[in-house]
Amino acid sequence: MKSRLTPEAELDLIEAIQWYDERDPEMGDDFLRRVYQRIASLEKNPRLYPIIHRQMRRALVRRFPFQILYEVESEEIIIYAIYHSARDPEAWKRRKND
C-alpha cells in the first residue's frame, strides 16, 4: 500500500528537519531516515499501529519524540501529521474534518 503526506504533514516534516539541522545536520538526516523507515513499515502493515481517534492511527518514530498520524483508506495511507509528542494533542485533530 502506498502513502501520501498531506501538505500539513509535509510542512511538519520540513520544520522538524530544519530544527534538527540547526543543532546538528547529522540529526536532521537521522530524523528523516527514521521517519521514512516508519512510513515504509506502515505501508507494509498499515493496521499494525493503534487507532487513537476515530480512524486515525499513530506510529511512533524511533529515537525521536515524534508520531506519524494517519488513516488507512481503501487504496492508500493518508498521513495527516508528523507531530512532536509534546505538542497539543488536540491541534492535529483539526487537520481532518470528521
C-alpha atoms as a PDB file:
ATOM      1  CA  MET A   1       0.000   0.000   0.000  1.00  0.00           C
ATOM      2  CA  LYS A   2       1.303   3.477  -0.852  1.00  0.00           C
ATOM      3  CA  SER A   3       1.216   6.517   1.410  1.00  0.00           C
ATOM      4  CA  ARG A   4       0.619  10.196   0.773  1.00  0.00           C
ATOM      5  CA  LEU A   5       1.533  13.111   3.018  1.00  0.00           C
ATOM      6  CA  THR A   6      -0.899  15.996   3.276  1.00  0.00           C
ATOM      7  CA  PRO A   7       0.613  19.472   2.813  1.00  0.00           C
ATOM      8  CA  GLU A   8       0.447  19.963   6.600  1.00  0.00           C
ATOM      9  CA  ALA A   9       2.371  16.735   7.207  1.00  0.00           C
ATOM     10  CA  GLU A  10       4.986  17.769   4.638  1.00  0.00           C
ATOM     11  CA  LEU A  11       5.373  21.084   6.474  1.00  0.00           C
ATOM     12  CA  ASP A  12       5.691  19.240   9.804  1.00  0.00           C
ATOM     13  CA  LEU A  13       8.493  17.147   8.325  1.00  0.00           C
ATOM     14  CA  ILE A  14      10.332  20.125   6.814  1.00  0.00           C
ATOM     15  CA  GLU A  15      10.121  22.131  10.040  1.00  0.00           C
ATOM     16  CA  ALA A  16      11.375  19.230  12.164  1.00  0.00           C
ATOM     17  CA  ILE A  17      14.288  18.535   9.810  1.00  0.00           C
ATOM     18  CA  GLN A  18      15.237  22.227   9.853  1.00  0.00           C
ATOM     19  CA  TRP A  19      15.103  22.295  13.661  1.00  0.00           C
ATOM     20  CA  TYR A  20      17.361  19.247  13.965  1.00  0.00           C
ATOM     21  CA  ASP A  21      19.707  20.506  11.200  1.00  0.00           C
ATOM     22  CA  GLU A  22      20.239  23.760  13.110  1.00  0.00           C
ATOM     23  CA  ARG A  23      21.517  21.743  16.041  1.00  0.00           C
ATOM     24  CA  ASP A  24      23.381  19.016  14.137  1.00  0.00           C
ATOM     25  CA  PRO A  25      22.986  18.195  10.423  1.00  0.00           C
ATOM     26  CA  GLU A  26      23.513  14.516  11.160  1.00  0.00           C
ATOM     27  CA  MET A  27      20.479  14.589  13.446  1.00  0.00           C
ATOM     28  CA  GLY A  28      18.347  16.018  10.663  1.00  0.00           C
ATOM     29  CA  ASP A  29      19.466  13.229   8.350  1.00  0.00           C
ATOM     30  CA  ASP A  30      18.853  10.603  11.023  1.00  0.00           C
ATOM     31  CA  PHE A  31      15.396  12.008  11.766  1.00  0.00           C
ATOM     32  CA  LEU A  32      14.411  11.901   8.093  1.00  0.00           C
ATOM     33  CA  ARG A  33      15.736   8.355   7.739  1.00  0.00           C
ATOM     34  CA  ARG A  34      13.760   7.230  10.815  1.00  0.00           C
ATOM     35  CA  VAL A  35      10.568   8.847   9.543  1.00  0.00           C
ATOM     36  CA  TYR A  36      10.888   7.107   6.178  1.00  0.00           C
ATOM     37  CA  GLN A  37      11.659   3.794   7.883  1.00  0.00           C
ATOM     38  CA  ARG A  38       8.453   4.100   9.892  1.00  0.00           C
ATOM     39  CA  ILE A  39       6.453   5.080   6.803  1.00  0.00           C
ATOM     40  CA  ALA A  40       7.836   2.026   4.972  1.00  0.00           C
ATOM     41  CA  SER A  41       6.793  -0.093   7.942  1.00  0.00           C
ATOM     42  CA  LEU A  42       3.245   1.211   7.969  1.00  0.00           C
ATOM     43  CA  GLU A  43       2.998   0.761   4.188  1.00  0.00           C
ATOM     44  CA  LYS A  44       3.767  -2.933   4.695  1.00  0.00           C
ATOM     45  CA  ASN A  45       1.320  -3.379   7.558  1.00  0.00           C
ATOM     46  CA  PRO A  46      -0.848  -0.251   7.958  1.00  0.00           C
ATOM     47  CA  ARG A  47      -3.197  -1.747  10.531  1.00  0.00           C
ATOM     48  CA  LEU A  48      -0.363  -2.740  12.882  1.00  0.00           C
ATOM     49  CA  TYR A  49      -0.418   0.597  14.697  1.00  0.00           C
ATOM     50  CA  PRO A  50      -3.196   1.540  17.135  1.00  0.00           C
ATOM     51  CA  ILE A  51      -6.233   3.668  16.418  1.00  0.00           C
ATOM     52  CA  ILE A  52      -6.120   6.691  18.703  1.00  0.00           C
ATOM     53  CA  HIS A  53      -9.091   8.745  17.461  1.00  0.00           C
ATOM     54  CA  ARG A  54     -11.909   7.614  15.197  1.00  0.00           C
ATOM     55  CA  GLN A  55      -9.965   6.011  12.310  1.00  0.00           C
ATOM     56  CA  MET A  56      -6.714   7.886  12.971  1.00  0.00           C
ATOM     57  CA  ARG A  57      -3.728   5.677  13.766  1.00  0.00           C
ATOM     58  CA  ARG A  58      -0.400   6.534  15.375  1.00  0.00           C
ATOM     59  CA  ALA A  59       3.048   5.166  14.567  1.00  0.00           C
ATOM     60  CA  LEU A  60       5.942   6.358  16.714  1.00  0.00           C
ATOM     61  CA  VAL A  61       9.226   7.449  15.135  1.00  0.00           C
ATOM     62  CA  ARG A  62      12.120   5.504  16.587  1.00  0.00           C
ATOM     63  CA  ARG A  63      14.681   7.533  18.648  1.00  0.00           C
ATOM     64  CA  PHE A  64      12.742  10.799  18.214  1.00  0.00           C
ATOM     65  CA  PRO A  65       9.737  12.185  20.114  1.00  0.00           C
ATOM     66  CA  PHE A  66       7.538  12.257  17.026  1.00  0.00           C
ATOM     67  CA  GLN A  67       4.470  10.397  15.925  1.00  0.00           C
ATOM     68  CA  ILE A  68       3.036   9.824  12.473  1.00  0.00           C
ATOM     69  CA  LEU A  69      -0.735  10.249  12.440  1.00  0.00           C
ATOM     70  CA  TYR A  70      -2.501   8.592   9.541  1.00  0.00           C
ATOM     71  CA  GLU A  71      -5.608   6.883   8.216  1.00  0.00           C
ATOM     72  CA  VAL A  72      -5.900   3.823   6.048  1.00  0.00           C
ATOM     73  CA  GLU A  73      -8.161   4.468   3.083  1.00  0.00           C
ATOM     74  CA  SER A  74      -9.244   1.843   0.572  1.00  0.00           C
ATOM     75  CA  GLU A  75      -6.247   2.319  -1.724  1.00  0.00           C
ATOM     76  CA  GLU A  76      -3.780   4.499   0.167  1.00  0.00           C
ATOM     77  CA  ILE A  77      -2.490   5.651   3.510  1.00  0.00           C
ATOM     78  CA  ILE A  78      -3.040   9.342   4.182  1.00  0.00           C
ATOM     79  CA  ILE A  79      -0.534  10.882   6.596  1.00  0.00           C
ATOM     80  CA  TYR A  80      -2.056  13.926   8.278  1.00  0.00           C
ATOM     81  CA  ALA A  81       0.718  14.850  10.700  1.00  0.00           C
ATOM     82  CA  ILE A  82       4.290  14.163  11.706  1.00  0.00           C
ATOM     83  CA  TYR A  83       3.828  15.552  15.134  1.00  0.00           C
ATOM     84  CA  HIS A  84       6.081  16.205  18.126  1.00  0.00           C
ATOM     85  CA  SER A  85       4.720  14.295  21.093  1.00  0.00           C
ATOM     86  CA  ALA A  86       4.863  17.352  23.379  1.00  0.00           C
ATOM     87  CA  ARG A  87       2.578  19.443  21.178  1.00  0.00           C
ATOM     88  CA  ASP A  88      -1.102  19.998  21.940  1.00  0.00           C
ATOM     89  CA  PRO A  89      -2.784  16.664  21.175  1.00  0.00           C
ATOM     90  CA  GLU A  90      -5.989  18.406  20.122  1.00  0.00           C
ATOM     91  CA  ALA A  91      -4.377  20.538  17.401  1.00  0.00           C
ATOM     92  CA  TRP A  92      -3.789  17.708  14.911  1.00  0.00           C
ATOM     93  CA  LYS A  93      -7.468  16.713  15.099  1.00  0.00           C
ATOM     94  CA  ARG A  94      -8.388  19.940  13.316  1.00  0.00           C
ATOM     95  CA  ARG A  95      -6.432  18.817  10.237  1.00  0.00           C
ATOM     96  CA  LYS A  96      -9.126  16.370   9.255  1.00  0.00           C
ATOM     97  CA  ASN A  97     -12.725  17.464   9.270  1.00  0.00           C
ATOM     98  CA  ASP A  98     -14.722  14.482  10.544  1.00  0.00           C
END
